[in-house]
Amino acid sequence: MSFSVNTNLASMAALQVLNATEQQLSQTQNVISTGQNVSSAADNPAIYAISNTMNSNIAGLTAVQNDLSFGQSVLTTASNAASQISSQLASLQQTVTQGLQTGISATTMNTQINSILTNINQFANNATFNGVNVLAKTGTAGVNFTSLNVVDTVQGNTITVGAQVTGASTNIGDQIGVTGLTVSSGALQYSFGSTFAPASGDYLQLTNGSKTWVLQLQKNGATPVAPPAFTANTNTTYTAVNFNSTDSPMTIVGDIVSSLQQQGFGASLDNSGNLTITGNGVTATNSAWNLAATAWSATPGTSTATGVTQTAISGGTAALTIVANAISAMNTISASIGAVQQQVTGMQTFTSSLQNSLTAGVGALTDANMAAESAQLASLQTKQQLGIQSLSMANARPQSMLQLFR
């Protein structure tokens, strides 16, 4: 063994061990302070990149949850309003029934009916959440949007709730056909059999004695069919109702309903597919659903289209029919909103579950085992103390060589 004051190998070895211990101790303290084994790219580049991607996905899911919560709030508001409207319609049915009894003042009952109709429209117009209202017409005070898109960017799904008030209708009352209702309201009803096959050129004519409305079917993409010769009444409003060749008969009837509402009529379809038309004082006289080849002078009150039956409903009975159709129409609207609510709830549940899974995955990749780290810290602190003592002893060795020169 050689003795040298220039090179202290023992000190160098002790210092190297102490430096390694200090580095490990620093890493352990960082893990304990952050609670993560991987808190930066320097700790583990691959795991850090994977966890960052997963954290971005979690942040995206949080945004999706916020969108879904907003959509659910809009739908809940609309659903509550629809329930209130349905309750008002039940009261309306009771009021109309009472108005048919002998000795009941029609004026008094009509006043009560008008009050209920006002409530129905107010419930719909007030069903607004942050400017979105699917029960109100565009232009209603405080309403910026009448339809709702609920977007789930994770699954790539978009649920759309369209405006429930369509056409030229100004309120929900028009849409369900109760506007202008009285206990003496009359109506026309059309029922459709299995042989009903609407074609381009067929037309519905409605008359109140002084004015006539004609709605004629025109197939999209085909040569337009000439309107019928309006010789019976010069004060006539003509409207072309466009449809597609792939549309079902009842879809075409639905197009007729929208067009009637644009003309100011109360028009609705019940669950059996019966079309009820009210308003503008129309009567069965010269009102009919006619084939394209039928002359204007068709037998008054007789529909010539195959599979179509026309019925004139008198006051009282007509009012009850109108209310019953309105209840059916409102039930359809409520069911539509409820179905979307269920979809949104399902998306919320799935998104929350996915968030939890990703969070657990990130934790499994990056979180530290604090019990193990605690034991590691105690071990490294002991090694640090031993390393310092070892370095101190190694540094003292050159001093012992002074004894050789005494």
Protein backbone atom coordinates (compact mmCIF):
# COMPACT_ATOMS: atom_id res chain seq x y z
CA MET A 1 0.00 0.00 0.00
CA SER A 2 1.29 3.45 -0.95
CA PHE A 3 0.62 6.61 1.00
CA SER A 4 0.02 9.86 -0.87
CA VAL A 5 -1.20 13.30 0.09
CA ASN A 6 -1.91 14.20 -3.55
CA THR A 7 -4.33 11.38 -4.29
CA ASN A 8 -6.78 10.18 -1.65
CA LEU A 9 -8.57 7.26 -3.27
CA ALA A 10 -10.62 6.50 -0.18
CA SER A 11 -11.93 10.06 -0.07
CA MET A 12 -12.81 9.98 -3.76
CA ALA A 13 -14.72 6.72 -3.33
CA ALA A 14 -16.57 7.99 -0.27
CA LEU A 15 -17.48 11.23 -2.06
CA GLN A 16 -18.81 9.33 -5.07
CA VAL A 17 -21.02 7.15 -2.86
CA LEU A 18 -22.24 10.20 -0.93
CA ASN A 19 -23.12 12.04 -4.16
CA ALA A 20 -25.13 9.07 -5.40
CA THR A 21 -26.96 8.91 -2.09
CA GLU A 22 -27.70 12.64 -2.24
CA GLN A 23 -29.11 12.28 -5.76
CA GLN A 24 -31.37 9.39 -4.69
CA LEU A 25 -32.44 11.34 -1.61
CA SER A 26 -33.34 14.36 -3.74
CA GLN A 27 -35.44 12.18 -6.06
CA THR A 28 -37.24 10.57 -3.14
CA GLN A 29 -37.99 13.93 -1.54
CA ASN A 30 -39.39 15.17 -4.87
CA VAL A 31 -41.62 12.09 -5.15
CA ILE A 32 -42.88 12.64 -1.59
CA SER A 33 -43.55 16.36 -2.13
CA THR A 34 -45.42 15.82 -5.46
CA GLY A 35 -46.97 12.45 -4.65
CA GLN A 36 -45.89 11.24 -8.10
CA ASN A 37 -43.24 8.86 -9.32
CA VAL A 38 -43.34 10.63 -12.67
CA SER A 39 -43.85 14.39 -12.43
CA SER A 40 -41.69 15.50 -15.35
CA ALA A 41 -40.34 14.15 -18.62
CA ALA A 42 -36.96 13.66 -16.96
CA ASP A 43 -38.44 11.07 -14.60
CA ASN A 44 -39.72 8.78 -17.37
CA PRO A 45 -40.23 10.26 -20.86
CA ALA A 46 -42.59 7.54 -22.14
CA ILE A 47 -44.84 7.44 -19.07
CA TYR A 48 -44.88 11.24 -18.89
CA ALA A 49 -46.05 11.50 -22.52
CA ILE A 50 -48.75 8.86 -22.03
CA SER A 51 -50.04 10.46 -18.83
CA ASN A 52 -50.12 13.92 -20.44
CA THR A 53 -52.27 12.56 -23.28
CA MET A 54 -54.62 10.94 -20.80
CA ASN A 55 -54.85 14.15 -18.75
CA SER A 56 -55.78 16.05 -21.93
CA ASN A 57 -58.54 13.53 -22.56
CA ILE A 58 -59.79 14.00 -19.00
CA ALA A 59 -59.90 17.77 -19.52
CA GLY A 60 -61.85 17.23 -22.75
CA LEU A 61 -64.32 15.00 -20.93
CA THR A 62 -64.83 17.72 -18.33
CA ALA A 63 -65.82 20.12 -21.13
CA VAL A 64 -68.17 17.47 -22.53
CA GLN A 65 -69.77 17.03 -19.11
CA ASN A 66 -70.34 20.79 -18.92
CA ASP A 67 -72.04 20.74 -22.34
CA LEU A 68 -74.18 17.78 -21.33
CA SER A 69 -75.17 19.48 -18.08
CA PHE A 70 -76.21 22.59 -20.00
CA GLY A 71 -78.25 20.52 -22.44
CA GLN A 72 -79.89 18.62 -19.60
CA SER A 73 -80.85 21.91 -17.94
CA VAL A 74 -82.47 23.15 -21.16
CA LEU A 75 -84.37 19.89 -21.56
CA THR A 76 -85.47 19.81 -17.93
CA THR A 77 -86.82 23.35 -18.25
CA ALA A 78 -88.72 22.40 -21.42
CA SER A 79 -90.00 19.17 -19.86
CA ASN A 80 -91.32 20.99 -16.80
CA ALA A 81 -93.09 23.52 -19.02
CA ALA A 82 -94.55 20.72 -21.16
CA SER A 83 -95.92 19.09 -18.00
CA GLN A 84 -97.55 22.36 -16.98
CA ILE A 85 -99.07 22.73 -20.47
CA SER A 86 -100.45 19.19 -20.29
CA SER A 87 -102.07 20.06 -16.95
CA GLN A 88 -103.61 23.16 -18.53
CA LEU A 89 -104.95 21.05 -21.40
CA ALA A 90 -106.57 18.71 -18.89
CA SER A 91 -108.24 21.76 -17.30
CA LEU A 92 -109.23 22.94 -20.76
CA GLN A 93 -110.92 19.62 -21.48
CA GLN A 94 -112.85 19.88 -18.23
CA THR A 95 -113.85 23.47 -19.01
CA VAL A 96 -115.08 22.62 -22.51
CA THR A 97 -117.10 19.71 -21.13
CA GLN A 98 -118.71 21.95 -18.54
CA GLY A 99 -119.47 24.53 -21.23
CA LEU A 100 -121.61 22.00 -23.08
CA GLN A 101 -123.98 21.63 -20.16
CA THR A 102 -127.37 23.32 -20.33
CA GLY A 103 -127.58 26.55 -18.36
CA ILE A 104 -123.84 27.27 -18.41
CA SER A 105 -122.98 30.68 -19.86
CA ALA A 106 -120.94 30.18 -23.05
CA THR A 107 -119.45 33.66 -22.60
CA THR A 108 -118.19 32.80 -19.13
CA MET A 109 -116.73 29.49 -20.29
CA ASN A 110 -115.06 31.12 -23.30
CA THR A 111 -113.43 33.66 -21.00
CA GLN A 112 -112.07 30.81 -18.91
CA ILE A 113 -110.90 29.02 -22.07
CA ASN A 114 -109.04 32.14 -23.23
CA SER A 115 -107.36 32.39 -19.83
CA ILE A 116 -106.14 28.80 -20.10
CA LEU A 117 -104.90 29.36 -23.66
CA THR A 118 -102.95 32.40 -22.43
CA ASN A 119 -101.37 30.30 -19.68
CA ILE A 120 -100.37 27.61 -22.18
CA ASN A 121 -98.50 30.11 -24.35
CA GLN A 122 -96.88 31.80 -21.35
CA PHE A 123 -95.61 28.48 -19.97
CA ALA A 124 -94.01 27.73 -23.35
CA ASN A 125 -92.51 31.20 -23.79
CA ASN A 126 -91.06 31.20 -20.27
CA ALA A 127 -89.40 27.79 -20.67
CA THR A 128 -86.12 29.51 -21.52
CA PHE A 129 -82.70 28.52 -20.17
CA ASN A 130 -79.84 30.85 -21.07
CA GLY A 131 -81.62 31.95 -24.24
CA VAL A 132 -82.57 28.44 -25.44
CA ASN A 133 -86.25 27.47 -25.65
CA VAL A 134 -87.49 24.58 -27.80
CA LEU A 135 -91.16 25.34 -27.03
CA ALA A 136 -91.18 28.97 -28.21
CA LYS A 137 -91.16 30.60 -31.62
CA THR A 138 -88.14 32.53 -32.92
CA GLY A 139 -88.53 36.17 -31.94
CA THR A 140 -89.99 35.46 -28.51
CA ALA A 141 -88.53 37.88 -25.95
CA GLY A 142 -85.41 36.43 -24.35
CA VAL A 143 -85.21 33.49 -26.76
CA ASN A 144 -82.10 33.33 -28.95
CA PHE A 145 -82.31 29.68 -30.01
CA THR A 146 -85.32 27.42 -30.52
CA SER A 147 -83.37 24.21 -31.05
CA LEU A 148 -80.60 22.49 -29.14
CA ASN A 149 -77.52 20.54 -30.23
CA VAL A 150 -75.95 18.39 -27.53
CA VAL A 151 -72.47 17.38 -28.70
CA ASP A 152 -70.34 14.57 -27.29
CA THR A 153 -66.93 15.03 -28.90
CA VAL A 154 -65.56 11.89 -27.27
CA GLN A 155 -68.07 9.50 -28.85
CA GLY A 156 -68.68 11.71 -31.86
CA ASN A 157 -72.41 11.88 -31.16
CA THR A 158 -74.70 14.86 -31.65
CA ILE A 159 -78.22 14.87 -30.30
CA THR A 160 -80.44 17.53 -31.83
CA VAL A 161 -83.69 18.72 -30.32
CA GLY A 162 -85.52 20.67 -32.99
CA ALA A 163 -87.94 23.53 -32.42
CA GLN A 164 -91.29 22.14 -31.37
CA VAL A 165 -93.11 25.16 -32.84
CA THR A 166 -92.73 25.04 -36.62
CA GLY A 167 -94.08 26.71 -39.72
CA ALA A 168 -95.55 30.18 -39.42
CA SER A 169 -97.13 29.44 -36.04
CA THR A 170 -96.54 32.13 -33.47
CA ASN A 171 -96.92 30.01 -30.35
CA ILE A 172 -97.42 26.53 -28.95
CA GLY A 173 -101.20 27.03 -29.05
CA ASP A 174 -101.09 27.24 -32.84
CA GLN A 175 -98.84 24.21 -33.01
CA ILE A 176 -101.24 21.97 -31.07
CA GLY A 177 -104.33 23.52 -32.68
CA VAL A 178 -106.12 25.21 -29.77
CA THR A 179 -105.72 28.87 -30.72
CA GLY A 180 -109.12 30.58 -30.96
CA LEU A 181 -110.93 27.68 -29.32
CA THR A 182 -114.47 28.30 -28.00
CA VAL A 183 -117.16 25.98 -26.70
CA SER A 184 -118.96 26.39 -30.03
CA SER A 185 -115.95 25.80 -32.28
CA GLY A 186 -116.58 23.72 -35.37
CA ALA A 187 -114.04 21.62 -37.21
CA LEU A 188 -113.39 19.47 -40.22
CA GLN A 189 -111.81 16.07 -39.77
CA TYR A 190 -110.16 13.90 -42.38
CA SER A 191 -109.39 10.25 -41.79
CA PHE A 192 -107.17 8.20 -44.08
CA GLY A 193 -107.60 4.56 -45.03
CA SER A 194 -105.13 1.99 -46.31
CA THR A 195 -105.88 2.93 -49.94
CA PHE A 196 -104.91 6.57 -49.41
CA ALA A 197 -102.15 7.40 -51.91
CA PRO A 198 -101.54 11.15 -52.26
CA ALA A 199 -100.08 12.21 -55.60
CA SER A 200 -98.76 15.33 -57.23
CA GLY A 201 -101.70 17.57 -58.14
CA ASP A 202 -104.07 16.37 -55.40
CA TYR A 203 -105.41 19.30 -53.42
CA LEU A 204 -107.22 20.20 -50.24
CA GLN A 205 -109.78 22.99 -50.57
CA LEU A 206 -111.30 24.76 -47.61
CA THR A 207 -114.09 27.33 -47.73
CA ASN A 208 -115.82 29.59 -45.22
CA GLY A 209 -118.37 30.96 -47.66
CA SER A 210 -116.47 34.10 -48.60
CA LYS A 211 -112.90 32.89 -48.95
CA THR A 212 -111.29 29.70 -50.18
CA TRP A 213 -107.91 28.18 -49.45
CA VAL A 214 -106.36 25.61 -51.79
CA LEU A 215 -103.30 23.57 -50.84
CA GLN A 216 -101.99 21.50 -53.75
CA LEU A 217 -99.37 18.75 -53.58
CA GLN A 218 -96.33 19.17 -55.81
CA LYS A 219 -93.60 16.51 -56.02
CA ASN A 220 -90.05 17.83 -55.74
CA GLY A 221 -88.05 17.34 -58.93
CA ALA A 222 -91.13 16.73 -61.09
CA THR A 223 -92.82 19.07 -63.54
CA PRO A 224 -95.25 21.21 -61.51
CA VAL A 225 -98.90 20.32 -61.90
CA ALA A 226 -101.12 23.20 -62.93
CA PRO A 227 -103.47 24.47 -60.21
CA PRO A 228 -107.14 23.58 -60.59
CA ALA A 229 -109.46 26.08 -62.24
CA PHE A 230 -110.75 28.24 -59.41
CA THR A 231 -114.13 29.16 -60.87
CA ALA A 232 -116.25 28.68 -57.79
CA ASN A 233 -114.67 31.50 -55.79
CA THR A 234 -112.47 34.35 -56.93
CA ASN A 235 -111.23 35.18 -53.43
CA THR A 236 -108.89 32.21 -53.32
CA THR A 237 -105.49 31.66 -51.67
CA TYR A 238 -103.35 29.06 -53.40
CA THR A 239 -100.39 27.28 -51.79
CA ALA A 240 -98.14 24.60 -53.25
CA VAL A 241 -97.14 21.93 -50.72
CA ASN A 242 -93.92 20.22 -51.80
CA PHE A 243 -93.10 16.62 -50.93
CA ASN A 244 -90.51 14.00 -51.86
CA SER A 245 -91.18 10.79 -53.76
CA THR A 246 -89.87 8.79 -50.80
CA ASP A 247 -92.26 10.40 -48.29
CA SER A 248 -94.91 8.20 -46.71
CA PRO A 249 -98.58 9.22 -47.03
CA MET A 250 -98.70 10.43 -43.43
CA THR A 251 -95.48 12.39 -43.88
CA ILE A 252 -97.21 14.21 -46.74
CA VAL A 253 -100.22 14.82 -44.50
CA GLY A 254 -97.78 16.29 -41.97
CA ASP A 255 -96.57 18.69 -44.68
CA ILE A 256 -100.21 19.69 -45.23
CA VAL A 257 -100.55 20.33 -41.48
CA SER A 258 -97.53 22.68 -41.49
CA SER A 259 -98.90 24.54 -44.49
CA LEU A 260 -102.33 24.88 -42.87
CA GLN A 261 -100.73 26.37 -39.77
CA GLN A 262 -98.92 28.88 -41.96
CA GLN A 263 -102.33 29.91 -43.34
CA GLY A 264 -103.58 30.58 -39.81
CA PHE A 265 -105.55 27.37 -39.32
CA GLY A 266 -105.50 25.18 -36.26
CA ALA A 267 -104.38 21.82 -37.62
CA SER A 268 -103.31 18.69 -35.78
CA LEU A 269 -102.95 14.94 -36.18
CA ASP A 270 -104.10 12.56 -33.48
CA ASN A 271 -102.53 9.19 -32.68
CA SER A 272 -104.86 7.50 -35.17
CA GLY A 273 -103.71 9.75 -37.99
CA ASN A 274 -106.89 11.79 -38.16
CA LEU A 275 -106.43 15.36 -39.36
CA THR A 276 -108.52 17.98 -37.56
CA ILE A 277 -108.76 21.49 -39.03
CA THR A 278 -110.20 24.48 -37.18
CA GLY A 279 -110.17 28.23 -37.57
CA ASN A 280 -111.04 30.78 -40.25
CA GLY A 281 -114.69 29.69 -40.05
CA VAL A 282 -114.32 26.90 -42.62
CA THR A 283 -117.31 24.65 -43.20
CA ALA A 284 -117.91 21.35 -44.96
CA THR A 285 -119.59 23.16 -47.84
CA ASN A 286 -117.26 22.85 -50.81
CA SER A 287 -114.37 21.83 -48.53
CA ALA A 288 -112.80 18.56 -49.58
CA TRP A 289 -109.65 16.58 -50.33
CA ASN A 290 -109.68 16.12 -54.09
CA LEU A 291 -107.79 14.24 -56.76
CA ALA A 292 -105.76 16.16 -59.31
CA ALA A 293 -108.31 15.39 -62.02
CA THR A 294 -111.31 16.50 -59.96
CA ALA A 295 -112.97 19.68 -61.20
CA TRP A 296 -113.48 22.61 -58.85
CA SER A 297 -117.22 22.03 -59.00
CA ALA A 298 -116.92 18.74 -57.11
CA THR A 299 -119.85 17.81 -54.93
CA PRO A 300 -119.76 20.15 -51.93
CA GLY A 301 -118.57 18.49 -48.74
CA THR A 302 -117.45 15.30 -50.51
CA SER A 303 -113.80 14.24 -50.75
CA THR A 304 -113.03 12.53 -54.04
CA ALA A 305 -109.54 11.25 -53.14
CA THR A 306 -109.48 7.49 -52.58
CA GLY A 307 -109.09 6.48 -48.95
CA VAL A 308 -110.05 9.91 -47.56
CA THR A 309 -113.17 10.44 -45.45
CA GLN A 310 -114.33 13.94 -44.54
CA THR A 311 -116.42 14.60 -41.44
CA ALA A 312 -117.90 17.90 -40.31
CA ILE A 313 -117.72 18.18 -36.53
CA SER A 314 -120.24 20.48 -34.90
CA GLY A 315 -119.63 22.87 -32.02
CA GLY A 316 -119.07 21.27 -28.65
CA THR A 317 -118.09 17.92 -30.06
CA ALA A 318 -115.55 19.70 -32.22
CA ALA A 319 -114.14 21.59 -29.23
CA LEU A 320 -113.64 18.32 -27.33
CA THR A 321 -112.02 16.76 -30.40
CA ILE A 322 -109.69 19.74 -30.74
CA VAL A 323 -108.64 19.50 -27.10
CA ALA A 324 -108.16 15.73 -27.36
CA ASN A 325 -105.94 16.23 -30.41
CA ALA A 326 -104.02 18.95 -28.57
CA ILE A 327 -103.42 16.59 -25.65
CA SER A 328 -102.17 13.95 -28.08
CA ALA A 329 -99.90 16.46 -29.80
CA MET A 330 -98.51 17.69 -26.48
CA ASN A 331 -97.88 14.12 -25.34
CA THR A 332 -95.82 13.60 -28.50
CA ILE A 333 -93.79 16.73 -27.76
CA SER A 334 -93.24 15.67 -24.14
CA ALA A 335 -92.21 12.16 -25.21
CA SER A 336 -89.74 13.61 -27.71
CA ILE A 337 -88.13 15.80 -25.05
CA GLY A 338 -88.11 12.93 -22.54
CA ALA A 339 -86.41 10.58 -25.00
CA VAL A 340 -83.59 13.07 -25.53
CA GLN A 341 -83.30 13.55 -21.76
CA GLN A 342 -82.70 9.83 -21.41
CA GLN A 343 -80.03 9.94 -24.12
CA VAL A 344 -78.25 12.85 -22.45
CA THR A 345 -78.40 11.11 -19.07
CA GLY A 346 -76.85 8.01 -20.63
CA MET A 347 -74.08 10.11 -22.19
CA GLN A 348 -73.44 11.79 -18.84
CA THR A 349 -73.13 8.42 -17.10
CA PHE A 350 -70.79 7.06 -19.76
CA THR A 351 -68.63 10.19 -19.79
CA SER A 352 -68.34 10.19 -16.00
CA SER A 353 -67.36 6.51 -16.02
CA LEU A 354 -64.75 7.15 -18.71
CA GLN A 355 -63.35 10.08 -16.72
CA ASN A 356 -62.99 7.89 -13.64
CA SER A 357 -61.27 5.14 -15.64
CA LEU A 358 -58.78 7.56 -17.20
CA THR A 359 -58.07 9.20 -13.83
CA ALA A 360 -57.40 5.81 -12.29
CA GLY A 361 -55.14 4.95 -15.21
CA VAL A 362 -53.09 8.11 -14.83
CA GLY A 363 -52.78 7.41 -11.12
CA ALA A 364 -51.54 3.89 -11.76
CA LEU A 365 -48.86 5.24 -14.10
CA THR A 366 -47.64 8.25 -12.12
CA ASP A 367 -48.74 8.11 -8.46
CA ALA A 368 -46.17 7.20 -5.83
CA ASN A 369 -46.51 4.49 -3.18
CA MET A 370 -46.08 6.74 -0.16
CA ALA A 371 -45.46 3.87 2.25
CA ALA A 372 -42.59 2.61 0.13
CA GLU A 373 -41.23 6.12 -0.36
CA SER A 374 -41.29 6.70 3.41
CA ALA A 375 -39.19 3.59 3.98
CA GLN A 376 -36.86 4.63 1.15
CA LEU A 377 -36.43 8.09 2.70
CA ALA A 378 -35.44 6.65 6.08
CA SER A 379 -32.92 4.31 4.41
CA LEU A 380 -31.36 7.07 2.32
CA GLN A 381 -31.08 9.43 5.32
CA THR A 382 -29.16 6.70 7.17
CA LYS A 383 -26.90 6.12 4.14
CA GLN A 384 -26.34 9.87 3.95
CA GLN A 385 -25.14 10.01 7.54
CA LEU A 386 -22.88 6.99 7.02
CA GLY A 387 -21.50 8.49 3.82
CA ILE A 388 -20.66 11.73 5.57
CA GLN A 389 -18.86 9.83 8.35
CA SER A 390 -17.00 7.69 5.79
CA LEU A 391 -15.88 10.79 3.86
CA SER A 392 -14.79 12.44 7.08
CA MET A 393 -12.65 9.40 7.96
CA ALA A 394 -11.14 9.25 4.46
CA ASN A 395 -10.25 12.95 4.58
CA ALA A 396 -8.47 12.39 7.90
CA ARG A 397 -6.08 9.74 6.48
CA PRO A 398 -3.47 12.18 5.05
CA GLN A 399 -3.10 13.70 8.52
CA SER A 400 -1.92 10.33 9.86
CA MET A 401 1.11 10.41 7.53
CA LEU A 402 2.59 13.25 9.61
CA GLN A 403 3.43 10.62 12.19
CA LEU A 404 6.00 9.17 9.78
CA PHE A 405 8.11 12.32 10.06
CA ARG A 406 8.36 12.54 13.80
